[in-house]
Amino acid sequence: QGWSGDKQGEQWLAVDLGAEQTFGAVSITWWKAYARAYAIEVSTDGAQWREVFRQPKKTGYIGDTDVIRFPPAKARHVRLKCTERGTDWGGYTVYEFGVYESLPETARVK
């Protein structure tokens, strides 16, 4: 099931992993209504968040998945915080948000 954020202000999608786990990569499959700027944040309690990755200016929608690697983090929650829309007509639409322990450098998640 996909997720669609509103057209106004910051929007976020959070995932509760059920218990603290160590992970160091996420994948985001966007629709054409993508985020030009976004961050990946982690939390142990779902209230205090720490940024592990920031995309300040995605250059455009190319129809594939963003694969993001960062130093391993131990947390229960991970969220995608969208801060700038990539289109004038839409909000944010994510088809799939994956969380991984790690991904090899050659990985391209579809």
N, C-alpha and C. Protein backbone atom coordinates (compact mmCIF):
# COMPACT_ATOMS: atom_id res chain seq x y z
N GLN A 1 0.84 -1.17 0.00
CA GLN A 1 0.00 0.00 0.00
C GLN A 1 0.89 1.24 0.00
N GLY A 2 0.57 2.20 -0.85
CA GLY A 2 1.36 3.42 -0.95
C GLY A 2 0.96 4.46 0.09
N TRP A 3 1.70 5.55 0.09
CA TRP A 3 1.45 6.67 1.01
C TRP A 3 1.45 7.95 0.22
N SER A 4 0.51 8.83 0.50
CA SER A 4 0.46 10.14 -0.13
C SER A 4 0.39 11.22 0.94
N GLY A 5 1.33 12.18 0.85
CA GLY A 5 1.35 13.30 1.77
C GLY A 5 0.58 14.47 1.19
N ASP A 6 0.21 15.39 2.03
CA ASP A 6 -0.54 16.58 1.63
C ASP A 6 0.33 17.51 0.79
N LYS A 7 -0.30 18.48 0.16
CA LYS A 7 0.41 19.46 -0.67
C LYS A 7 0.98 20.61 0.16
N GLN A 8 0.64 20.70 1.43
CA GLN A 8 1.05 21.84 2.26
C GLN A 8 2.02 21.40 3.36
N GLY A 9 3.11 22.16 3.52
CA GLY A 9 4.02 21.98 4.65
C GLY A 9 4.81 20.68 4.62
N GLU A 10 5.54 20.46 5.72
CA GLU A 10 6.29 19.22 5.87
C GLU A 10 5.34 18.04 6.04
N GLN A 11 5.71 16.91 5.47
CA GLN A 11 4.93 15.69 5.61
C GLN A 11 5.92 14.57 5.93
N TRP A 12 5.47 13.60 6.71
CA TRP A 12 6.37 12.50 7.02
C TRP A 12 5.65 11.16 7.08
N LEU A 13 6.44 10.13 6.83
CA LEU A 13 6.00 8.74 6.89
C LEU A 13 6.93 8.03 7.86
N ALA A 14 6.38 7.45 8.93
CA ALA A 14 7.20 6.78 9.94
C ALA A 14 6.87 5.29 9.98
N VAL A 15 7.90 4.49 10.28
CA VAL A 15 7.76 3.04 10.39
C VAL A 15 8.24 2.62 11.77
N ASP A 16 7.41 1.83 12.47
CA ASP A 16 7.78 1.24 13.76
C ASP A 16 8.24 -0.19 13.48
N LEU A 17 9.51 -0.48 13.75
CA LEU A 17 10.07 -1.80 13.47
C LEU A 17 9.70 -2.84 14.54
N GLY A 18 9.02 -2.41 15.62
CA GLY A 18 8.55 -3.34 16.65
C GLY A 18 9.54 -3.53 17.78
N ALA A 19 10.82 -3.32 17.52
CA ALA A 19 11.88 -3.44 18.52
C ALA A 19 13.10 -2.74 17.95
N GLU A 20 14.05 -2.41 18.81
CA GLU A 20 15.27 -1.78 18.33
C GLU A 20 16.02 -2.74 17.42
N GLN A 21 16.44 -2.22 16.29
CA GLN A 21 17.22 -2.99 15.33
C GLN A 21 18.32 -2.10 14.78
N THR A 22 19.36 -2.73 14.24
CA THR A 22 20.44 -1.97 13.61
C THR A 22 20.23 -2.02 12.10
N PHE A 23 20.23 -0.86 11.46
CA PHE A 23 20.04 -0.79 10.02
C PHE A 23 20.87 0.36 9.47
N GLY A 24 21.20 0.26 8.19
CA GLY A 24 22.07 1.27 7.59
C GLY A 24 21.70 1.62 6.17
N ALA A 25 20.46 1.33 5.76
CA ALA A 25 20.04 1.67 4.40
C ALA A 25 18.52 1.71 4.33
N VAL A 26 18.03 2.56 3.44
CA VAL A 26 16.61 2.58 3.11
C VAL A 26 16.47 2.73 1.60
N SER A 27 15.31 2.36 1.11
CA SER A 27 14.98 2.61 -0.30
C SER A 27 13.62 3.29 -0.34
N ILE A 28 13.48 4.21 -1.29
CA ILE A 28 12.23 4.94 -1.46
C ILE A 28 11.83 4.87 -2.92
N THR A 29 10.68 4.29 -3.20
CA THR A 29 10.15 4.25 -4.55
C THR A 29 9.07 5.32 -4.66
N TRP A 30 9.35 6.33 -5.47
CA TRP A 30 8.47 7.49 -5.63
C TRP A 30 7.55 7.34 -6.83
N TRP A 31 6.41 8.02 -6.78
CA TRP A 31 5.60 8.31 -7.96
C TRP A 31 6.11 9.63 -8.51
N LYS A 32 5.45 10.19 -9.51
CA LYS A 32 5.88 11.47 -10.09
C LYS A 32 5.79 12.61 -9.09
N ALA A 33 4.94 12.48 -8.07
CA ALA A 33 4.85 13.49 -7.00
C ALA A 33 5.90 13.14 -5.94
N TYR A 34 7.14 13.47 -6.22
CA TYR A 34 8.26 13.11 -5.35
C TYR A 34 8.66 14.29 -4.47
N ALA A 35 9.58 14.04 -3.54
CA ALA A 35 10.13 15.11 -2.71
C ALA A 35 11.45 15.58 -3.30
N ARG A 36 11.57 16.87 -3.52
CA ARG A 36 12.84 17.44 -3.98
C ARG A 36 13.85 17.47 -2.82
N ALA A 37 13.36 17.75 -1.61
CA ALA A 37 14.21 17.76 -0.42
C ALA A 37 13.55 16.89 0.65
N TYR A 38 14.36 16.04 1.28
CA TYR A 38 13.84 15.18 2.33
C TYR A 38 14.98 14.72 3.24
N ALA A 39 14.60 14.14 4.37
CA ALA A 39 15.57 13.62 5.33
C ALA A 39 15.10 12.25 5.80
N ILE A 40 16.07 11.42 6.22
CA ILE A 40 15.79 10.16 6.89
C ILE A 40 16.18 10.36 8.35
N GLU A 41 15.26 10.06 9.26
CA GLU A 41 15.49 10.23 10.69
C GLU A 41 15.20 8.93 11.42
N VAL A 42 15.88 8.73 12.57
CA VAL A 42 15.68 7.53 13.38
C VAL A 42 15.37 7.93 14.82
N SER A 43 14.71 7.03 15.54
CA SER A 43 14.32 7.30 16.92
C SER A 43 14.21 5.99 17.69
N THR A 44 14.55 6.03 18.98
CA THR A 44 14.34 4.85 19.82
C THR A 44 12.96 4.85 20.44
N ASP A 45 12.35 6.05 20.61
CA ASP A 45 11.07 6.15 21.31
C ASP A 45 9.92 6.73 20.48
N GLY A 46 10.19 7.14 19.24
CA GLY A 46 9.15 7.71 18.39
C GLY A 46 8.85 9.16 18.70
N ALA A 47 9.61 9.77 19.63
CA ALA A 47 9.38 11.16 19.99
C ALA A 47 10.60 12.04 19.69
N GLN A 48 11.79 11.54 20.03
CA GLN A 48 13.05 12.25 19.77
C GLN A 48 13.67 11.67 18.51
N TRP A 49 13.92 12.52 17.51
CA TRP A 49 14.41 12.05 16.22
C TRP A 49 15.82 12.56 15.95
N ARG A 50 16.62 11.73 15.27
CA ARG A 50 17.99 12.08 14.89
C ARG A 50 18.14 11.86 13.39
N GLU A 51 18.65 12.86 12.70
CA GLU A 51 18.82 12.76 11.25
C GLU A 51 20.05 11.92 10.92
N VAL A 52 19.88 10.98 9.96
CA VAL A 52 21.00 10.17 9.50
C VAL A 52 21.33 10.41 8.03
N PHE A 53 20.42 11.07 7.31
CA PHE A 53 20.65 11.38 5.90
C PHE A 53 19.78 12.57 5.51
N ARG A 54 20.34 13.43 4.64
CA ARG A 54 19.56 14.56 4.11
C ARG A 54 19.79 14.66 2.61
N GLN A 55 18.69 14.75 1.88
CA GLN A 55 18.73 15.03 0.44
C GLN A 55 18.29 16.48 0.28
N PRO A 56 19.22 17.41 -0.01
CA PRO A 56 18.84 18.81 -0.07
C PRO A 56 18.20 19.22 -1.39
N LYS A 57 18.50 18.50 -2.49
CA LYS A 57 17.94 18.92 -3.77
C LYS A 57 17.99 17.77 -4.78
N LYS A 58 16.99 16.94 -4.73
CA LYS A 58 16.86 15.87 -5.73
C LYS A 58 16.62 16.55 -7.08
N THR A 59 17.36 16.13 -8.10
CA THR A 59 17.36 16.88 -9.35
C THR A 59 16.17 16.60 -10.26
N GLY A 60 15.40 15.56 -9.99
CA GLY A 60 14.23 15.30 -10.82
C GLY A 60 13.74 13.88 -10.68
N TYR A 61 12.55 13.65 -11.16
CA TYR A 61 11.96 12.32 -11.13
C TYR A 61 12.46 11.55 -12.33
N ILE A 62 13.08 10.39 -12.07
CA ILE A 62 13.57 9.57 -13.18
C ILE A 62 12.94 8.19 -13.19
N GLY A 63 11.92 8.00 -12.39
CA GLY A 63 11.13 6.78 -12.45
C GLY A 63 11.72 5.57 -11.76
N ASP A 64 12.70 5.78 -10.87
CA ASP A 64 13.26 4.62 -10.18
C ASP A 64 13.28 4.85 -8.68
N THR A 65 14.06 4.07 -7.98
CA THR A 65 14.08 4.07 -6.52
C THR A 65 15.35 4.74 -6.00
N ASP A 66 15.20 5.62 -5.01
CA ASP A 66 16.37 6.16 -4.31
C ASP A 66 16.86 5.10 -3.34
N VAL A 67 18.14 4.75 -3.43
CA VAL A 67 18.77 3.83 -2.49
C VAL A 67 19.74 4.65 -1.65
N ILE A 68 19.53 4.67 -0.34
CA ILE A 68 20.28 5.54 0.57
C ILE A 68 21.00 4.70 1.61
N ARG A 69 22.30 4.93 1.74
CA ARG A 69 23.10 4.25 2.75
C ARG A 69 23.60 5.28 3.76
N PHE A 70 23.72 4.88 5.02
CA PHE A 70 24.21 5.76 6.08
C PHE A 70 24.89 4.90 7.13
N PRO A 71 25.69 5.50 8.02
CA PRO A 71 26.33 4.71 9.08
C PRO A 71 25.27 3.96 9.88
N PRO A 72 25.51 2.69 10.21
CA PRO A 72 24.49 1.90 10.92
C PRO A 72 23.94 2.62 12.15
N ALA A 73 22.62 2.57 12.27
CA ALA A 73 21.92 3.20 13.40
C ALA A 73 21.12 2.13 14.13
N LYS A 74 21.08 2.23 15.45
CA LYS A 74 20.24 1.32 16.25
C LYS A 74 19.03 2.10 16.71
N ALA A 75 17.86 1.69 16.25
CA ALA A 75 16.63 2.42 16.57
C ALA A 75 15.43 1.51 16.35
N ARG A 76 14.29 1.94 16.87
CA ARG A 76 13.03 1.23 16.65
C ARG A 76 12.21 1.87 15.55
N HIS A 77 12.35 3.18 15.39
CA HIS A 77 11.54 3.93 14.43
C HIS A 77 12.43 4.55 13.37
N VAL A 78 11.92 4.62 12.16
CA VAL A 78 12.60 5.32 11.07
C VAL A 78 11.55 6.09 10.30
N ARG A 79 11.88 7.31 9.90
CA ARG A 79 10.89 8.08 9.15
C ARG A 79 11.53 8.84 8.00
N LEU A 80 10.70 9.04 7.00
CA LEU A 80 11.01 9.86 5.85
C LEU A 80 10.30 11.19 6.06
N LYS A 81 11.07 12.27 6.19
CA LYS A 81 10.49 13.60 6.39
C LYS A 81 10.68 14.41 5.11
N CYS A 82 9.58 14.71 4.43
CA CYS A 82 9.60 15.44 3.17
C CYS A 82 9.45 16.93 3.46
N THR A 83 10.35 17.75 2.91
CA THR A 83 10.35 19.17 3.24
C THR A 83 10.15 20.08 2.02
N GLU A 84 10.30 19.56 0.80
CA GLU A 84 10.07 20.38 -0.39
C GLU A 84 9.54 19.51 -1.51
N ARG A 85 8.42 19.93 -2.09
CA ARG A 85 7.79 19.16 -3.17
C ARG A 85 8.58 19.28 -4.47
N GLY A 86 8.54 18.20 -5.25
CA GLY A 86 9.21 18.20 -6.54
C GLY A 86 8.33 18.68 -7.67
N THR A 87 7.03 18.83 -7.42
CA THR A 87 6.09 19.28 -8.45
C THR A 87 5.23 20.41 -7.90
N ASP A 88 4.64 21.18 -8.80
CA ASP A 88 3.71 22.23 -8.40
C ASP A 88 2.30 21.68 -8.16
N TRP A 89 1.99 20.55 -8.77
CA TRP A 89 0.62 20.04 -8.78
C TRP A 89 0.34 18.96 -7.75
N GLY A 90 1.38 18.36 -7.15
CA GLY A 90 1.13 17.23 -6.25
C GLY A 90 1.81 17.38 -4.92
N GLY A 91 1.46 16.53 -3.98
CA GLY A 91 2.11 16.48 -2.68
C GLY A 91 3.31 15.56 -2.75
N TYR A 92 3.26 14.46 -2.01
CA TYR A 92 4.32 13.45 -2.04
C TYR A 92 3.64 12.09 -2.14
N THR A 93 4.15 11.24 -3.01
CA THR A 93 3.60 9.88 -3.11
C THR A 93 4.74 8.88 -3.12
N VAL A 94 4.69 7.94 -2.16
CA VAL A 94 5.69 6.88 -2.03
C VAL A 94 4.98 5.56 -2.25
N TYR A 95 5.48 4.78 -3.21
CA TYR A 95 4.93 3.45 -3.45
C TYR A 95 5.49 2.43 -2.45
N GLU A 96 6.78 2.58 -2.11
CA GLU A 96 7.40 1.62 -1.19
C GLU A 96 8.53 2.28 -0.44
N PHE A 97 8.61 1.98 0.87
CA PHE A 97 9.68 2.48 1.73
C PHE A 97 10.30 1.27 2.40
N GLY A 98 11.53 0.94 2.05
CA GLY A 98 12.20 -0.25 2.57
C GLY A 98 13.28 0.13 3.57
N VAL A 99 13.43 -0.68 4.61
CA VAL A 99 14.47 -0.49 5.62
C VAL A 99 15.32 -1.75 5.63
N TYR A 100 16.66 -1.58 5.57
CA TYR A 100 17.57 -2.71 5.42
C TYR A 100 18.72 -2.62 6.41
N GLU A 101 19.19 -3.78 6.84
CA GLU A 101 20.38 -3.82 7.69
C GLU A 101 21.55 -3.18 6.94
N SER A 102 21.71 -3.56 5.67
CA SER A 102 22.72 -2.96 4.81
C SER A 102 22.38 -3.34 3.37
N LEU A 103 22.98 -2.62 2.43
CA LEU A 103 22.84 -2.93 1.01
C LEU A 103 24.21 -2.79 0.37
N PRO A 104 24.60 -3.71 -0.50
CA PRO A 104 25.88 -3.57 -1.18
C PRO A 104 25.87 -2.35 -2.09
N GLU A 105 27.03 -1.81 -2.38
CA GLU A 105 27.14 -0.60 -3.19
C GLU A 105 26.53 -0.77 -4.58
N THR A 106 26.49 -1.99 -5.07
CA THR A 106 25.96 -2.23 -6.41
C THR A 106 24.45 -2.44 -6.43
N ALA A 107 23.82 -2.43 -5.27
CA ALA A 107 22.38 -2.73 -5.19
C ALA A 107 21.56 -1.61 -5.82
N ARG A 108 20.60 -1.99 -6.64
CA ARG A 108 19.58 -1.09 -7.16
C ARG A 108 18.25 -1.74 -6.87
N VAL A 109 17.53 -1.19 -5.93
CA VAL A 109 16.26 -1.77 -5.51
C VAL A 109 15.17 -1.25 -6.44
N LYS A 110 14.39 -2.14 -7.03
CA LYS A 110 13.29 -1.75 -7.91
C LYS A 110 11.96 -2.02 -7.23
